[in-house]
Amino acid sequence: MPDTVDNVVGILKKKRRAVNEVMVVTGRADICVIMQGTMDEINGAVIDFKKIKDIVSTETMMEVEVDMGW
């Protein structure tokens, strides 16, 4: 439902802890949040996200640096 997505985006944009960017996306997820901070800050933010009634599930992906030797 478009109104639900807009409402959740509005709530997420008001959260300042660790949140850099909030965007509507296509595919398996409806919303993507780019975050930066310590593991504790990110974990706390994700726990806060799960308290938002219209968020059904979350998936956290961490950026890692890998030296492939290329």
N, C-alpha and C. Protein backbone atom coordinates (compact mmCIF):
# COMPACT_ATOMS: atom_id res chain seq x y z
N MET A 1 0.83 -1.17 0.00
CA MET A 1 0.00 0.00 0.00
C MET A 1 0.89 1.25 0.00
N PRO A 2 0.73 2.12 -0.97
CA PRO A 2 1.58 3.30 -1.08
C PRO A 2 1.56 4.19 0.16
N ASP A 3 0.40 4.38 0.77
CA ASP A 3 0.34 5.23 1.96
C ASP A 3 1.17 4.65 3.09
N THR A 4 1.16 3.33 3.23
CA THR A 4 1.93 2.68 4.27
C THR A 4 3.42 2.91 4.06
N VAL A 5 3.88 2.74 2.84
CA VAL A 5 5.30 2.96 2.53
C VAL A 5 5.67 4.41 2.81
N ASP A 6 4.85 5.35 2.37
CA ASP A 6 5.14 6.77 2.61
C ASP A 6 5.19 7.07 4.10
N ASN A 7 4.28 6.50 4.88
CA ASN A 7 4.26 6.72 6.32
C ASN A 7 5.52 6.17 6.99
N VAL A 8 5.92 4.97 6.60
CA VAL A 8 7.12 4.37 7.19
C VAL A 8 8.37 5.16 6.79
N VAL A 9 8.46 5.59 5.53
CA VAL A 9 9.59 6.42 5.10
C VAL A 9 9.66 7.69 5.94
N GLY A 10 8.53 8.33 6.16
CA GLY A 10 8.49 9.54 6.98
C GLY A 10 9.00 9.29 8.39
N ILE A 11 8.59 8.19 8.99
CA ILE A 11 9.05 7.84 10.34
C ILE A 11 10.55 7.58 10.34
N LEU A 12 11.03 6.81 9.36
CA LEU A 12 12.45 6.48 9.30
C LEU A 12 13.32 7.71 9.07
N LYS A 13 12.85 8.65 8.27
CA LYS A 13 13.63 9.86 8.00
C LYS A 13 13.79 10.73 9.25
N LYS A 14 12.90 10.58 10.21
CA LYS A 14 12.99 11.35 11.45
C LYS A 14 14.00 10.75 12.42
N LYS A 15 14.36 9.50 12.20
CA LYS A 15 15.34 8.84 13.07
C LYS A 15 16.73 9.31 12.68
N ARG A 16 17.46 9.79 13.61
CA ARG A 16 18.78 10.35 13.31
C ARG A 16 19.92 9.40 13.65
N ARG A 17 19.71 8.52 14.61
CA ARG A 17 20.81 7.66 15.05
C ARG A 17 21.21 6.69 13.96
N ALA A 18 22.37 6.87 13.40
CA ALA A 18 22.98 5.97 12.42
C ALA A 18 22.36 6.04 11.02
N VAL A 19 21.21 6.69 10.84
CA VAL A 19 20.54 6.71 9.54
C VAL A 19 21.13 7.80 8.64
N ASN A 20 21.63 7.39 7.47
CA ASN A 20 22.17 8.34 6.49
C ASN A 20 21.16 8.66 5.39
N GLU A 21 20.47 7.63 4.91
CA GLU A 21 19.58 7.80 3.76
C GLU A 21 18.45 6.78 3.83
N VAL A 22 17.25 7.21 3.42
CA VAL A 22 16.08 6.34 3.36
C VAL A 22 15.53 6.45 1.95
N MET A 23 15.30 5.31 1.29
CA MET A 23 14.80 5.36 -0.08
C MET A 23 13.81 4.24 -0.34
N VAL A 24 12.84 4.52 -1.22
CA VAL A 24 11.89 3.51 -1.68
C VAL A 24 12.56 2.75 -2.81
N VAL A 25 12.48 1.42 -2.78
CA VAL A 25 13.14 0.59 -3.78
C VAL A 25 12.15 -0.44 -4.34
N THR A 26 12.54 -1.09 -5.42
CA THR A 26 11.73 -2.16 -5.98
C THR A 26 12.39 -3.50 -5.66
N GLY A 27 11.62 -4.56 -5.75
CA GLY A 27 12.17 -5.88 -5.49
C GLY A 27 11.58 -6.46 -4.22
N ARG A 28 12.35 -7.29 -3.55
CA ARG A 28 11.89 -7.99 -2.36
C ARG A 28 11.52 -7.03 -1.22
N ALA A 29 12.26 -5.92 -1.12
CA ALA A 29 12.00 -4.93 -0.08
C ALA A 29 11.28 -3.72 -0.67
N ASP A 30 10.61 -2.97 0.17
CA ASP A 30 9.95 -1.74 -0.26
C ASP A 30 10.79 -0.50 0.08
N ILE A 31 11.58 -0.61 1.15
CA ILE A 31 12.37 0.53 1.65
C ILE A 31 13.78 0.05 1.95
N CYS A 32 14.75 0.89 1.64
CA CYS A 32 16.15 0.62 1.96
C CYS A 32 16.66 1.78 2.82
N VAL A 33 17.35 1.46 3.89
CA VAL A 33 17.94 2.48 4.76
C VAL A 33 19.44 2.27 4.77
N ILE A 34 20.18 3.32 4.40
CA ILE A 34 21.64 3.28 4.45
C ILE A 34 22.04 3.87 5.80
N MET A 35 22.83 3.12 6.55
CA MET A 35 23.23 3.57 7.89
C MET A 35 24.74 3.54 8.03
N GLN A 36 25.22 4.36 8.94
CA GLN A 36 26.65 4.38 9.25
C GLN A 36 26.79 4.60 10.75
N GLY A 37 27.62 3.81 11.37
CA GLY A 37 27.83 3.95 12.81
C GLY A 37 28.52 2.72 13.35
N THR A 38 28.61 2.65 14.66
CA THR A 38 29.18 1.47 15.30
C THR A 38 28.18 0.33 15.21
N MET A 39 28.64 -0.86 15.48
CA MET A 39 27.75 -2.02 15.48
C MET A 39 26.61 -1.82 16.49
N ASP A 40 26.93 -1.26 17.65
CA ASP A 40 25.91 -1.02 18.67
C ASP A 40 24.87 0.00 18.20
N GLU A 41 25.32 1.07 17.52
CA GLU A 41 24.40 2.08 17.01
C GLU A 41 23.48 1.50 15.95
N ILE A 42 24.04 0.73 15.04
CA ILE A 42 23.25 0.12 13.97
C ILE A 42 22.27 -0.90 14.56
N ASN A 43 22.74 -1.72 15.47
CA ASN A 43 21.88 -2.71 16.12
C ASN A 43 20.72 -2.02 16.84
N GLY A 44 21.02 -0.94 17.56
CA GLY A 44 19.97 -0.20 18.27
C GLY A 44 18.95 0.38 17.31
N ALA A 45 19.43 0.91 16.17
CA ALA A 45 18.52 1.48 15.18
C ALA A 45 17.61 0.40 14.59
N VAL A 46 18.17 -0.76 14.28
CA VAL A 46 17.36 -1.85 13.71
C VAL A 46 16.32 -2.32 14.72
N ILE A 47 16.70 -2.39 15.98
CA ILE A 47 15.74 -2.78 17.02
C ILE A 47 14.61 -1.75 17.08
N ASP A 48 14.96 -0.45 16.97
CA ASP A 48 13.93 0.60 16.94
C ASP A 48 13.03 0.45 15.72
N PHE A 49 13.60 0.10 14.57
CA PHE A 49 12.81 -0.08 13.35
C PHE A 49 11.75 -1.15 13.56
N LYS A 50 12.11 -2.22 14.24
CA LYS A 50 11.19 -3.34 14.44
C LYS A 50 10.01 -2.97 15.33
N LYS A 51 10.09 -1.83 16.02
CA LYS A 51 8.99 -1.36 16.86
C LYS A 51 7.94 -0.60 16.05
N ILE A 52 8.26 -0.27 14.79
CA ILE A 52 7.32 0.44 13.92
C ILE A 52 6.31 -0.58 13.42
N LYS A 53 5.02 -0.35 13.69
CA LYS A 53 3.99 -1.39 13.46
C LYS A 53 3.88 -1.82 12.01
N ASP A 54 4.16 -0.95 11.05
CA ASP A 54 4.00 -1.32 9.63
C ASP A 54 5.23 -1.99 9.03
N ILE A 55 6.29 -2.14 9.80
CA ILE A 55 7.46 -2.88 9.31
C ILE A 55 7.25 -4.35 9.63
N VAL A 56 7.18 -5.16 8.58
CA VAL A 56 6.90 -6.58 8.73
C VAL A 56 8.18 -7.37 9.01
N SER A 57 9.27 -7.02 8.33
CA SER A 57 10.53 -7.71 8.56
C SER A 57 11.68 -6.77 8.16
N THR A 58 12.86 -7.11 8.64
CA THR A 58 14.05 -6.35 8.28
C THR A 58 15.14 -7.32 7.84
N GLU A 59 16.07 -6.82 7.06
CA GLU A 59 17.23 -7.60 6.65
C GLU A 59 18.42 -6.65 6.71
N THR A 60 19.46 -7.05 7.42
CA THR A 60 20.63 -6.20 7.58
C THR A 60 21.78 -6.76 6.76
N MET A 61 22.38 -5.92 5.95
CA MET A 61 23.54 -6.30 5.14
C MET A 61 24.67 -5.34 5.48
N MET A 62 25.82 -5.89 5.81
CA MET A 62 26.98 -5.09 6.17
C MET A 62 27.96 -5.04 5.01
N GLU A 63 28.48 -3.86 4.75
CA GLU A 63 29.53 -3.73 3.74
C GLU A 63 30.84 -4.22 4.34
N VAL A 64 31.55 -5.02 3.57
CA VAL A 64 32.86 -5.52 4.01
C VAL A 64 33.87 -5.29 2.90
N GLU A 65 35.10 -5.11 3.30
CA GLU A 65 36.17 -4.98 2.32
C GLU A 65 36.88 -6.32 2.21
N VAL A 66 37.01 -6.80 0.98
CA VAL A 66 37.66 -8.08 0.73
C VAL A 66 38.74 -7.87 -0.31
N ASP A 67 39.95 -8.29 -0.01
CA ASP A 67 41.03 -8.18 -0.98
C ASP A 67 41.03 -9.44 -1.84
N MET A 68 40.54 -9.28 -3.07
CA MET A 68 40.46 -10.42 -3.99
C MET A 68 41.78 -10.64 -4.72
N GLY A 69 42.74 -9.76 -4.51
CA GLY A 69 44.05 -9.93 -5.13
C GLY A 69 44.09 -9.59 -6.60
N TRP A 70 43.10 -8.87 -7.07
CA TRP A 70 43.05 -8.54 -8.50
C TRP A 70 43.88 -7.36 -8.79
